[in-house]
Amino acid sequence: MSMSVDGFVAGPDASQDNPLGTNGLKLHDWMFDNPNQENNLLPELKESTGAAIIGYNMYYEAIPHWGGTGPLGDDIPCFVLTAEGKVPKNAPAADKDVWVGGGANAIQQYIQAQLLDELRLDIVPILLGGGTSMFGELGQFMEVDKLEVHDEPNAIHFTYRFEKA
């Protein structure tokens, strides 16, 4: 999940016509600035992922820009969280990971339910000044273990593991 230094994963006024809000697309520049970079996330993510889960807002704002596929393409099933009681009971991931791609509200719900094992944050050196907060108000104290840090010119990548209660 790409996040600004001030903790936002989308700028203000996000919509289908303005995905990720005002200046929010800058959160993903690091992925495209150097497509041959050693830390290219997408191939590794596609290889390890058996199913994807995203929130409705992320789906609604981004689907026109994904060319009719999900965030990871047509080969990986994507479930969109909608109304209460319609959450998939089993994601067909086989022996691969289930990727909770966002948005922030979906990730917050998985954190609160203690269903997220790891969180990767790609901190981008910008201040959006407002928009969608990555963590909002989780309402509880949590500790995480730092697993990995990788620094590159346009982002710092942190991977955390959640401690289970």
Foldseek 3Di string as FASTA:
>chain_A
DQAEPVFAQAFPPQALVAHSYDVNVLSCVVLVVDVVDPPNPLVVCLVQWQAEEEEPRNCRNCCVVVVNADPNGPNHHYHYDDDPPPDDPDGRRPPGDYHYPDDLVSVLVCVLVVNDFKDKYWYFHDDSPDDHGNNPCSPDDFDWAWDDWDDDDGTIITMIGTDDD
